[in-house]
Amino acid sequence: MKNYVLLWHDSARATGGIKAKEDTNNFFRQENYQVIDTPTGKIAKVLYVFCVLPFIFLKIRSGNVIVQFPSGKTFLQKMMLGCIKYLSGAKLILIVHDIEALRANAGDGHSRENETELKLLGMADGLVSLNGVMTDWLHEHGINGLITNLNVWDYDNPNPINPMLPYTGSICFAGNLDKSTFLTKYDLKHKLLVFGRKTTPVNFPGNIEYGGVFSPEELPSKLKANFGLIWDGDELTTCSGNFGKYLRYNTPHKTSLYLSSGVPVIVWKEAAIAKVIEHYGCGLTISSLNELDDVLDDLTSEQYEKLYKNTVQVADMMRRGVFMQTAINSLIKMLDEGKKDE
């Protein structure tokens, strides 16, 4: 049975915001999935979705069409997914990157947007969810399609895996510095090397070194630290605010940036990704950043070496696209057999 991938070209290349989608598309190409490409221009996208895609999908009478979600403006998503669902004979598979009802639209005042988002997700015959926590949320909100869990993103990393550094408890952080306001309160003895775009002036404490902005291809070689930090929100004691709380459901792509580079991670214990880190033994989980000095001081060089070796094994799987291949192959098998999700 033939598998198709609908390629949607997002913007935000300089921030690394579309790296996960690009990598996923590349891994599917390597598996010889048939690509349905789309234009890059704004007007061209609209014309293509309304005037070309319907005729393409009318000709597809079987197989699976994979779409990364979300892709494009809501009105374009409705048309794209509707064409696949109602004009083709193929099954619709959505790979979920983000759910805005859990992130930016969490809380009051977004009921209409959230309802629309759930309707779009509900059109899928099958979904690749980020993790079991997100899958439970989808079920609780009426999503009845078959679901498999990705657990962690693959990462097409062109750089050699970073060699193990002597253990000193060094830490790095890469991300959107405008929303990582906890950094302004960072007051630990272990210095933090940070990377990322900042659109407004940020007064970092003296124990934070700013490393600059780099492309997703350049950044891995700059991560010269024992650990990569995964944290979000305003506070040191917990991950707070909408983006901090989103870590309970999200699988941050920066996790894969660190791990695929050979850098073990430090993550909030209540984050969904924490279970994956503990399972593979490729990092540390903490409840509060205030614990960090003691945790790093107590870790021995031998213990760190074990974390590093486990990280290298995970990096190899990420670089080969193993996690997405496993999730999508399992989902397609379930769709073919009509089984319930795993």
Protein backbone atom coordinates (compact mmCIF):
# COMPACT_ATOMS: atom_id res chain seq x y z
CA MET A 1 0.00 0.00 0.00
CA LYS A 2 1.36 3.39 -1.00
CA ASN A 3 2.25 6.07 1.54
CA TYR A 4 2.10 9.77 0.66
CA VAL A 5 3.51 12.77 2.52
CA LEU A 6 2.01 16.23 2.05
CA LEU A 7 4.85 18.76 2.36
CA TRP A 8 3.84 22.16 3.71
CA HIS A 9 6.47 24.90 3.75
CA ASP A 10 6.38 26.90 6.97
CA SER A 11 8.36 30.04 7.72
CA ALA A 12 10.56 30.74 10.80
CA ARG A 13 13.62 28.96 9.40
CA ALA A 14 16.06 31.21 11.25
CA THR A 15 14.67 30.26 14.64
CA GLY A 16 14.83 26.53 14.12
CA GLY A 17 11.06 26.38 14.57
CA ILE A 18 10.54 24.13 11.54
CA LYS A 19 13.53 21.83 12.03
CA ALA A 20 11.34 18.99 13.36
CA LYS A 21 9.09 19.12 10.29
CA GLU A 22 12.00 19.29 7.86
CA ASP A 23 13.72 16.34 9.49
CA THR A 24 10.53 14.29 9.48
CA ASN A 25 10.04 14.97 5.78
CA ASN A 26 13.64 13.97 5.06
CA PHE A 27 13.28 10.70 6.95
CA PHE A 28 10.11 9.91 4.98
CA ARG A 29 11.93 10.63 1.71
CA GLN A 30 14.60 8.12 2.74
CA GLU A 31 11.82 5.55 3.18
CA ASN A 32 10.63 6.30 -0.39
CA TYR A 33 7.27 7.78 0.60
CA GLN A 34 5.70 9.65 -2.31
CA VAL A 35 5.94 13.39 -1.75
CA ILE A 36 3.09 15.77 -2.57
CA ASP A 37 4.85 19.13 -2.56
CA THR A 38 3.23 22.53 -2.14
CA PRO A 39 4.31 26.07 -3.15
CA THR A 40 6.09 28.48 -0.82
CA GLY A 41 4.42 31.80 -1.66
CA LYS A 42 1.37 32.95 0.32
CA ILE A 43 -0.93 33.47 -2.67
CA ALA A 44 0.40 30.40 -4.44
CA LYS A 45 -0.38 28.28 -1.37
CA VAL A 46 -4.02 29.40 -1.32
CA LEU A 47 -4.48 28.79 -5.05
CA TYR A 48 -2.80 25.40 -4.82
CA VAL A 49 -4.90 24.21 -1.88
CA PHE A 50 -8.22 25.26 -3.42
CA CYS A 51 -7.54 24.67 -7.12
CA VAL A 52 -4.98 21.85 -7.39
CA LEU A 53 -5.08 19.63 -4.30
CA PRO A 54 -8.70 18.49 -4.80
CA PHE A 55 -7.82 16.99 -8.19
CA ILE A 56 -4.66 15.34 -6.82
CA PHE A 57 -6.57 13.61 -4.04
CA LEU A 58 -9.44 12.56 -6.31
CA LYS A 59 -6.89 10.35 -8.09
CA ILE A 60 -5.60 8.71 -4.89
CA ARG A 61 -7.90 5.77 -4.20
CA SER A 62 -5.95 3.91 -1.49
CA GLY A 63 -2.96 4.12 0.84
CA ASN A 64 -2.12 6.62 3.58
CA VAL A 65 -1.58 10.38 3.37
CA ILE A 66 0.60 11.83 6.13
CA VAL A 67 0.29 15.48 7.17
CA GLN A 68 2.24 17.23 9.90
CA PHE A 69 -0.07 19.14 12.23
CA PRO A 70 -0.46 22.06 12.35
CA SER A 71 0.45 23.14 8.81
CA GLY A 72 -0.72 26.48 7.45
CA LYS A 73 -3.55 28.79 8.41
CA THR A 74 -6.69 27.21 9.82
CA PHE A 75 -8.80 27.78 6.69
CA LEU A 76 -6.11 26.09 4.58
CA GLN A 77 -5.83 23.18 7.00
CA LYS A 78 -9.59 22.65 6.81
CA MET A 79 -9.43 22.45 3.03
CA MET A 80 -6.33 20.23 2.90
CA LEU A 81 -7.57 17.73 5.44
CA GLY A 82 -11.06 17.79 3.96
CA CYS A 83 -9.70 16.93 0.51
CA ILE A 84 -7.83 13.94 1.90
CA LYS A 85 -10.71 12.77 4.10
CA TYR A 86 -13.60 13.19 1.68
CA LEU A 87 -12.17 13.20 -1.86
CA SER A 88 -9.47 10.54 -1.70
CA GLY A 89 -9.74 6.87 -0.83
CA ALA A 90 -6.69 7.10 1.43
CA LYS A 91 -6.50 7.16 5.20
CA LEU A 92 -5.46 10.42 6.84
CA ILE A 93 -2.56 10.32 9.30
CA LEU A 94 -1.64 13.40 11.34
CA ILE A 95 1.73 13.81 13.04
CA VAL A 96 1.05 16.13 15.96
CA HIS A 97 3.72 18.75 16.67
CA ASP A 98 1.76 21.10 18.90
CA ILE A 99 -1.73 21.50 20.31
CA GLU A 100 -2.50 25.17 20.87
CA ALA A 101 -5.36 24.36 23.25
CA LEU A 102 -2.65 23.14 25.62
CA ARG A 103 -0.15 25.89 24.88
CA ALA A 104 -0.87 29.43 23.68
CA ASN A 105 -4.66 29.00 23.85
CA ALA A 106 -4.78 27.37 27.28
CA GLY A 107 -7.20 29.16 29.59
CA ASP A 108 -10.26 31.30 28.94
CA GLY A 109 -11.17 33.17 25.78
CA HIS A 110 -10.13 30.64 23.15
CA SER A 111 -13.02 28.18 23.11
CA ARG A 112 -13.78 28.70 19.42
CA GLU A 113 -10.16 28.20 18.31
CA ASN A 114 -9.79 25.16 20.52
CA GLU A 115 -13.01 23.62 19.23
CA THR A 116 -11.82 24.08 15.65
CA GLU A 117 -8.45 22.54 16.46
CA LEU A 118 -10.10 19.46 17.98
CA LYS A 119 -12.37 19.09 14.94
CA LEU A 120 -9.32 19.07 12.67
CA LEU A 121 -7.56 16.48 14.84
CA GLY A 122 -10.76 14.43 14.88
CA MET A 123 -10.70 14.11 11.09
CA ALA A 124 -7.66 11.82 11.23
CA ASP A 125 -7.94 8.07 10.87
CA GLY A 126 -4.70 7.82 12.83
CA LEU A 127 -2.40 10.13 14.76
CA VAL A 128 1.19 10.10 15.93
CA SER A 129 0.98 11.79 19.34
CA LEU A 130 4.00 13.18 21.13
CA ASN A 131 3.63 10.94 24.17
CA GLY A 132 1.22 9.02 26.38
CA VAL A 133 0.19 12.09 28.38
CA MET A 134 -0.88 13.93 25.23
CA THR A 135 -2.62 10.78 23.99
CA ASP A 136 -4.68 10.58 27.18
CA TRP A 137 -5.68 14.24 26.71
CA LEU A 138 -6.73 13.57 23.11
CA HIS A 139 -8.91 10.65 24.18
CA GLU A 140 -10.46 12.72 26.98
CA HIS A 141 -11.40 15.37 24.41
CA GLY A 142 -13.16 13.03 22.01
CA ILE A 143 -10.41 12.11 19.54
CA ASN A 144 -11.27 8.56 18.50
CA GLY A 145 -8.69 7.88 15.80
CA LEU A 146 -5.98 5.28 16.31
CA ILE A 147 -2.93 6.72 18.06
CA THR A 148 0.71 5.78 18.53
CA ASN A 149 3.24 7.69 20.63
CA LEU A 150 6.43 9.19 19.23
CA ASN A 151 8.00 9.79 22.70
CA VAL A 152 10.99 11.75 21.36
CA TRP A 153 11.77 13.52 18.08
CA ASP A 154 14.40 12.26 15.69
CA TYR A 155 17.04 14.79 14.68
CA ASP A 156 18.91 14.95 11.38
CA ASN A 157 22.21 16.17 12.80
CA PRO A 158 25.02 16.77 10.26
CA ASN A 159 27.67 17.28 12.94
CA PRO A 160 29.78 14.58 14.58
CA ILE A 161 28.58 13.59 18.04
CA ASN A 162 30.37 15.82 20.53
CA PRO A 163 33.11 14.00 22.47
CA MET A 164 32.61 13.56 26.19
CA LEU A 165 33.92 16.56 28.12
CA PRO A 166 35.64 16.23 31.50
CA TYR A 167 32.89 16.40 34.10
CA THR A 168 32.60 19.84 35.71
CA GLY A 169 28.81 20.21 35.94
CA SER A 170 28.67 22.64 33.01
CA ILE A 171 25.25 23.42 31.51
CA CYS A 172 23.94 24.95 28.28
CA PHE A 173 20.49 26.17 27.26
CA ALA A 174 19.12 26.79 23.77
CA GLY A 175 15.73 28.30 23.06
CA ASN A 176 13.50 31.34 22.78
CA LEU A 177 15.09 33.67 25.31
CA ASP A 178 12.18 36.13 25.25
CA LYS A 179 9.88 33.59 26.89
CA SER A 180 12.55 31.95 29.09
CA THR A 181 12.22 34.58 31.78
CA PHE A 182 13.43 32.20 34.49
CA LEU A 183 16.93 32.99 33.18
CA THR A 184 16.82 36.45 34.74
CA LYS A 185 16.53 34.76 38.17
CA TYR A 186 19.24 32.15 37.62
CA ASP A 187 21.52 32.43 40.64
CA LEU A 188 23.46 29.16 40.87
CA LYS A 189 27.17 28.53 41.13
CA HIS A 190 27.22 26.39 37.98
CA LYS A 191 27.46 28.72 35.02
CA LEU A 192 24.97 28.50 32.19
CA LEU A 193 25.84 29.00 28.51
CA VAL A 194 22.73 30.19 26.63
CA PHE A 195 21.93 30.37 22.91
CA GLY A 196 18.97 31.88 21.13
CA ARG A 197 17.32 34.95 19.72
CA LYS A 198 16.34 37.79 22.03
CA THR A 199 14.21 40.52 20.47
CA THR A 200 14.29 42.68 23.59
CA PRO A 201 17.27 43.51 25.83
CA VAL A 202 17.79 40.90 28.55
CA ASN A 203 19.88 41.54 31.66
CA PHE A 204 21.36 38.15 32.42
CA PRO A 205 22.92 37.45 35.83
CA GLY A 206 26.70 37.25 35.95
CA ASN A 207 26.75 33.45 35.94
CA ILE A 208 25.06 33.29 32.51
CA GLU A 209 27.15 33.55 29.35
CA TYR A 210 25.35 34.46 26.12
CA GLY A 211 26.59 32.37 23.20
CA GLY A 212 24.65 33.98 20.35
CA VAL A 213 22.27 32.79 17.62
CA PHE A 214 23.07 29.90 15.28
CA SER A 215 21.21 27.87 12.69
CA PRO A 216 20.01 24.37 13.65
CA GLU A 217 22.90 22.97 11.61
CA GLU A 218 25.56 25.10 13.33
CA LEU A 219 24.30 24.97 16.90
CA PRO A 220 25.18 21.34 17.84
CA SER A 221 28.92 21.95 17.59
CA LYS A 222 28.58 24.97 19.93
CA LEU A 223 27.05 22.97 22.80
CA LYS A 224 30.25 22.65 24.82
CA ALA A 225 28.74 21.56 28.13
CA ASN A 226 28.09 18.44 30.17
CA PHE A 227 24.32 18.93 30.11
CA GLY A 228 21.60 20.64 28.10
CA LEU A 229 18.79 22.24 30.13
CA ILE A 230 15.08 21.82 29.33
CA TRP A 231 13.09 24.37 31.35
CA ASP A 232 10.39 26.93 30.66
CA GLY A 233 8.38 29.67 32.33
CA ASP A 234 9.05 32.36 34.90
CA GLU A 235 10.27 30.48 37.95
CA LEU A 236 13.25 28.47 39.19
CA THR A 237 11.15 26.35 41.54
CA THR A 238 8.86 24.90 38.85
CA CYS A 239 7.95 25.26 35.18
CA SER A 240 5.20 27.88 35.28
CA GLY A 241 2.93 29.82 32.94
CA ASN A 242 1.30 28.42 29.80
CA PHE A 243 4.59 27.44 28.20
CA GLY A 244 5.97 25.94 31.39
CA LYS A 245 2.83 23.92 32.05
CA TYR A 246 2.88 22.78 28.41
CA LEU A 247 5.96 20.69 29.25
CA ARG A 248 3.57 18.28 31.00
CA TYR A 249 2.24 17.38 27.52
CA ASN A 250 4.94 18.42 25.08
CA THR A 251 8.02 16.65 23.75
CA PRO A 252 10.37 19.63 23.24
CA HIS A 253 12.44 19.42 20.09
CA LYS A 254 15.42 20.90 21.94
CA THR A 255 15.63 17.58 23.80
CA SER A 256 16.67 16.00 20.51
CA LEU A 257 19.04 18.86 19.69
CA TYR A 258 20.95 18.10 22.89
CA LEU A 259 20.80 14.31 22.79
CA SER A 260 21.63 13.94 19.08
CA SER A 261 24.71 16.10 19.77
CA GLY A 262 25.89 13.79 22.55
CA VAL A 263 24.79 16.11 25.37
CA PRO A 264 22.80 14.49 28.23
CA VAL A 265 19.86 16.57 29.45
CA ILE A 266 18.45 18.02 32.66
CA VAL A 267 14.66 18.29 32.65
CA TRP A 268 11.77 19.13 34.96
CA LYS A 269 10.61 15.95 36.71
CA GLU A 270 6.95 16.62 35.85
CA ALA A 271 7.59 17.08 32.12
CA ALA A 272 6.23 14.38 29.83
CA ILE A 273 9.71 13.87 28.36
CA ALA A 274 11.12 13.05 31.83
CA LYS A 275 9.90 9.45 31.60
CA VAL A 276 11.75 8.98 28.32
CA ILE A 277 14.96 10.41 29.77
CA GLU A 278 14.72 8.10 32.77
CA HIS A 279 13.94 5.09 30.55
CA TYR A 280 17.02 5.58 28.38
CA GLY A 281 19.24 6.85 31.21
CA CYS A 282 20.39 9.84 29.17
CA GLY A 283 19.98 12.66 31.69
CA LEU A 284 18.75 13.91 35.05
CA THR A 285 15.28 14.92 36.24
CA ILE A 286 14.77 17.58 38.90
CA SER A 287 11.81 19.25 40.62
CA SER A 288 13.41 22.69 40.95
CA LEU A 289 16.43 24.49 39.53
CA ASN A 290 17.33 25.30 43.12
CA GLU A 291 18.31 21.62 43.46
CA LEU A 292 20.73 21.83 40.59
CA ASP A 293 23.94 22.80 42.37
CA ASP A 294 23.64 19.91 44.82
CA VAL A 295 22.63 17.40 42.13
CA LEU A 296 25.57 18.33 39.91
CA ASP A 297 28.02 18.35 42.83
CA ASP A 298 26.89 14.89 43.93
CA LEU A 299 27.24 13.34 40.46
CA THR A 300 30.52 11.47 39.97
CA SER A 301 32.60 11.36 36.81
CA GLU A 302 31.79 7.64 36.49
CA GLN A 303 28.06 8.31 36.72
CA TYR A 304 28.33 11.05 34.13
CA GLU A 305 30.24 8.76 31.76
CA LYS A 306 27.37 6.27 31.91
CA LEU A 307 24.85 9.03 31.09
CA TYR A 308 27.02 10.11 28.17
CA LYS A 309 27.32 6.59 26.74
CA ASN A 310 23.55 6.12 26.95
CA THR A 311 23.10 9.48 25.23
CA VAL A 312 25.33 8.41 22.34
CA GLN A 313 23.15 5.34 21.80
CA VAL A 314 20.01 7.49 21.70
CA ALA A 315 21.77 9.97 19.38
CA ASP A 316 22.44 7.18 16.90
CA MET A 317 18.75 6.21 16.84
CA MET A 318 17.67 9.83 16.40
CA ARG A 319 20.04 10.40 13.51
CA ARG A 320 18.60 7.35 11.71
CA GLY A 321 14.97 8.34 12.22
CA VAL A 322 14.23 5.29 14.36
CA PHE A 323 11.63 6.89 16.64
CA MET A 324 9.41 8.22 13.84
CA GLN A 325 9.82 5.05 11.78
CA THR A 326 8.73 2.94 14.74
CA ALA A 327 5.70 5.12 15.50
CA ILE A 328 4.48 5.49 11.92
CA ASN A 329 5.02 1.82 11.00
CA SER A 330 3.11 0.75 14.11
CA LEU A 331 0.27 3.14 13.27
CA ILE A 332 0.01 1.99 9.65
CA LYS A 333 -0.08 -1.63 10.80
CA MET A 334 -2.87 -0.79 13.26
CA LEU A 335 -4.84 1.01 10.53
CA ASP A 336 -4.44 -1.94 8.19
CA GLU A 337 -5.61 -4.36 10.88
CA GLY A 338 -8.25 -2.07 12.39
CA LYS A 339 -6.77 -2.37 15.88
CA LYS A 340 -7.09 -0.01 18.80
CA ASP A 341 -4.15 2.27 19.62
CA GLU A 342 -1.11 1.13 21.54
